[in-house]
């Protein structure tokens, strides 16, 4: 049973680590979104300013990245919940508490 417990504890730690990294990345992308907004404020076609087309492209690429990251986060949340449920079923962990990882 010790090997099984160790395996599932590692699996849970890796799953939660992935979810944490995805959360960190979401925070970083939101900061990038703010930076793009700031850069786009000065758009009077002066030399060195970001063009309207480039600003729109940046926003579109960022929106695509945010959408993809949210989809990845949903998969990671479900994986964490699956591992927690498996550990409970195997008697390796207590029932999930009142604040399980939220589903999106």
C-alpha atoms as a PDB file:
ATOM      1  CA  UNK A   1       0.000   0.000   0.000  1.00  0.00           C
ATOM      2  CA  UNK A   2       2.931   2.329   0.634  1.00  0.00           C
ATOM      3  CA  UNK A   3       3.973   2.317  -3.030  1.00  0.00           C
ATOM      4  CA  UNK A   4       0.405   3.070  -4.098  1.00  0.00           C
ATOM      5  CA  UNK A   5       0.138   5.908  -1.585  1.00  0.00           C
ATOM      6  CA  UNK A   6       3.466   7.360  -2.732  1.00  0.00           C
ATOM      7  CA  UNK A   7       2.393   7.093  -6.372  1.00  0.00           C
ATOM      8  CA  UNK A   8      -0.897   8.894  -5.789  1.00  0.00           C
ATOM      9  CA  UNK A   9       0.688  11.556  -3.590  1.00  0.00           C
ATOM     10  CA  UNK A  10       3.165  12.282  -6.385  1.00  0.00           C
ATOM     11  CA  UNK A  11       0.352  12.289  -8.933  1.00  0.00           C
ATOM     12  CA  UNK A  12      -1.642  14.738  -6.810  1.00  0.00           C
ATOM     13  CA  UNK A  13       1.381  16.980  -6.239  1.00  0.00           C
ATOM     14  CA  UNK A  14       2.129  17.083  -9.966  1.00  0.00           C
ATOM     15  CA  UNK A  15      -1.498  17.804 -10.851  1.00  0.00           C
ATOM     16  CA  UNK A  16      -1.697  20.638  -8.317  1.00  0.00           C
ATOM     17  CA  UNK A  17       1.664  21.990  -9.484  1.00  0.00           C
ATOM     18  CA  UNK A  18       0.361  22.101 -13.056  1.00  0.00           C
ATOM     19  CA  UNK A  19      -2.773  23.911 -11.910  1.00  0.00           C
ATOM     20  CA  UNK A  20      -0.660  26.408  -9.994  1.00  0.00           C
ATOM     21  CA  UNK A  21       1.512  27.059 -13.045  1.00  0.00           C
ATOM     22  CA  UNK A  22      -1.567  27.582 -15.194  1.00  0.00           C
ATOM     23  CA  UNK A  23      -2.907  30.052 -12.614  1.00  0.00           C
ATOM     24  CA  UNK A  24       0.434  31.875 -12.623  1.00  0.00           C
ATOM     25  CA  UNK A  25       0.370  32.003 -16.402  1.00  0.00           C
ATOM     26  CA  UNK A  26      -3.164  33.399 -16.360  1.00  0.00           C
ATOM     27  CA  UNK A  27      -1.994  36.179 -14.035  1.00  0.00           C
ATOM     28  CA  UNK A  28       0.924  36.896 -16.346  1.00  0.00           C
ATOM     29  CA  UNK A  29      -1.320  37.008 -19.408  1.00  0.00           C
ATOM     30  CA  UNK A  30      -3.675  39.412 -17.663  1.00  0.00           C
ATOM     31  CA  UNK A  31      -0.680  41.626 -16.910  1.00  0.00           C
ATOM     32  CA  UNK A  32       0.283  41.446 -20.589  1.00  0.00           C
ATOM     33  CA  UNK A  33      -3.269  42.444 -21.480  1.00  0.00           C
ATOM     34  CA  UNK A  34      -2.904  45.555 -19.318  1.00  0.00           C
ATOM     35  CA  UNK A  35       0.447  46.320 -20.934  1.00  0.00           C
ATOM     36  CA  UNK A  36      -1.067  46.034 -24.404  1.00  0.00           C
ATOM     37  CA  UNK A  37      -3.839  48.416 -23.350  1.00  0.00           C
ATOM     38  CA  UNK A  38      -1.257  50.898 -22.090  1.00  0.00           C
ATOM     39  CA  UNK A  39       0.839  50.693 -25.249  1.00  0.00           C
ATOM     40  CA  UNK A  40      -2.257  51.086 -27.405  1.00  0.00           C
ATOM     41  CA  UNK A  41      -3.324  54.332 -25.724  1.00  0.00           C
ATOM     42  CA  UNK A  42      -0.778  56.379 -27.660  1.00  0.00           C
ATOM     43  CA  UNK A  43      -1.952  55.690 -31.187  1.00  0.00           C
ATOM     44  CA  UNK A  44      -1.672  58.836 -33.227  1.00  0.00           C
ATOM     45  CA  UNK A  45       0.491  57.391 -36.004  1.00  0.00           C
ATOM     46  CA  UNK A  46       3.616  59.029 -34.642  1.00  0.00           C
ATOM     47  CA  UNK A  47       6.928  57.274 -35.325  1.00  0.00           C
ATOM     48  CA  UNK A  48       7.551  54.508 -32.793  1.00  0.00           C
ATOM     49  CA  UNK A  49       3.930  54.137 -31.727  1.00  0.00           C
ATOM     50  CA  UNK A  50       2.035  50.901 -32.119  1.00  0.00           C
ATOM     51  CA  UNK A  51      -0.191  50.928 -35.181  1.00  0.00           C
ATOM     52  CA  UNK A  52      -3.893  50.270 -34.891  1.00  0.00           C
ATOM     53  CA  UNK A  53      -3.500  47.065 -36.899  1.00  0.00           C
ATOM     54  CA  UNK A  54      -0.682  45.785 -34.703  1.00  0.00           C
ATOM     55  CA  UNK A  55      -2.643  46.647 -31.548  1.00  0.00           C
ATOM     56  CA  UNK A  56      -5.655  44.733 -32.863  1.00  0.00           C
ATOM     57  CA  UNK A  57      -3.458  41.765 -33.780  1.00  0.00           C
ATOM     58  CA  UNK A  58      -1.878  41.756 -30.315  1.00  0.00           C
ATOM     59  CA  UNK A  59      -5.306  41.795 -28.679  1.00  0.00           C
ATOM     60  CA  UNK A  60      -6.528  38.968 -30.923  1.00  0.00           C
ATOM     61  CA  UNK A  61      -3.485  36.806 -30.187  1.00  0.00           C
ATOM     62  CA  UNK A  62      -3.822  37.520 -26.478  1.00  0.00           C
ATOM     63  CA  UNK A  63      -7.535  36.662 -26.524  1.00  0.00           C
ATOM     64  CA  UNK A  64      -6.710  33.374 -28.242  1.00  0.00           C
ATOM     65  CA  UNK A  65      -4.038  32.607 -25.643  1.00  0.00           C
ATOM     66  CA  UNK A  66      -6.423  33.415 -22.776  1.00  0.00           C
ATOM     67  CA  UNK A  67      -9.138  31.229 -24.286  1.00  0.00           C
ATOM     68  CA  UNK A  68      -6.719  28.334 -24.709  1.00  0.00           C
ATOM     69  CA  UNK A  69      -5.369  28.764 -21.203  1.00  0.00           C
ATOM     70  CA  UNK A  70      -8.878  28.697 -19.722  1.00  0.00           C
ATOM     71  CA  UNK A  71      -9.531  25.442 -21.590  1.00  0.00           C
ATOM     72  CA  UNK A  72      -6.263  23.976 -20.285  1.00  0.00           C
ATOM     73  CA  UNK A  73      -7.157  25.107 -16.781  1.00  0.00           C
ATOM     74  CA  UNK A  74     -10.522  23.319 -16.958  1.00  0.00           C
ATOM     75  CA  UNK A  75      -8.733  20.103 -17.936  1.00  0.00           C
ATOM     76  CA  UNK A  76      -6.217  20.511 -15.109  1.00  0.00           C
ATOM     77  CA  UNK A  77      -8.956  21.187 -12.534  1.00  0.00           C
ATOM     78  CA  UNK A  78     -10.801  18.061 -13.588  1.00  0.00           C
ATOM     79  CA  UNK A  79      -7.576  16.054 -13.373  1.00  0.00           C
ATOM     80  CA  UNK A  80      -6.944  17.286  -9.817  1.00  0.00           C
ATOM     81  CA  UNK A  81     -10.515  16.350  -8.888  1.00  0.00           C
ATOM     82  CA  UNK A  82     -10.109  12.910 -10.511  1.00  0.00           C
ATOM     83  CA  UNK A  83      -6.937  12.233  -8.520  1.00  0.00           C
ATOM     84  CA  UNK A  84      -8.601  13.366  -5.284  1.00  0.00           C
ATOM     85  CA  UNK A  85     -11.614  11.128  -5.930  1.00  0.00           C
ATOM     86  CA  UNK A  86      -9.379   8.162  -6.785  1.00  0.00           C
ATOM     87  CA  UNK A  87      -7.386   8.630  -3.592  1.00  0.00           C
ATOM     88  CA  UNK A  88     -10.609   8.772  -1.571  1.00  0.00           C
ATOM     89  CA  UNK A  89     -11.969   5.622  -3.236  1.00  0.00           C
ATOM     90  CA  UNK A  90      -8.697   3.792  -2.493  1.00  0.00           C
ATOM     91  CA  UNK A  91      -8.755   4.937   1.121  1.00  0.00           C
ATOM     92  CA  UNK A  92      -5.589   6.978   0.670  1.00  0.00           C
ATOM     93  CA  UNK A  93      -7.141  10.325   1.568  1.00  0.00           C
ATOM     94  CA  UNK A  94     -10.041  11.749   3.481  1.00  0.00           C
ATOM     95  CA  UNK A  95     -13.147  12.857   1.661  1.00  0.00           C
ATOM     96  CA  UNK A  96     -12.676  16.137  -0.146  1.00  0.00           C
ATOM     97  CA  UNK A  97     -13.274  19.060   2.193  1.00  0.00           C
ATOM     98  CA  UNK A  98     -15.876  21.773   1.851  1.00  0.00           C
ATOM     99  CA  UNK A  99     -13.645  23.652  -0.615  1.00  0.00           C
ATOM    100  CA  UNK A 100     -12.679  21.252  -3.416  1.00  0.00           C
ATOM    101  CA  UNK A 101     -10.960  22.575  -6.502  1.00  0.00           C
ATOM    102  CA  UNK A 102     -13.725  24.477  -8.333  1.00  0.00           C
ATOM    103  CA  UNK A 103     -14.975  23.253 -11.675  1.00  0.00           C
ATOM    104  CA  UNK A 104     -15.325  25.835 -14.397  1.00  0.00           C
END
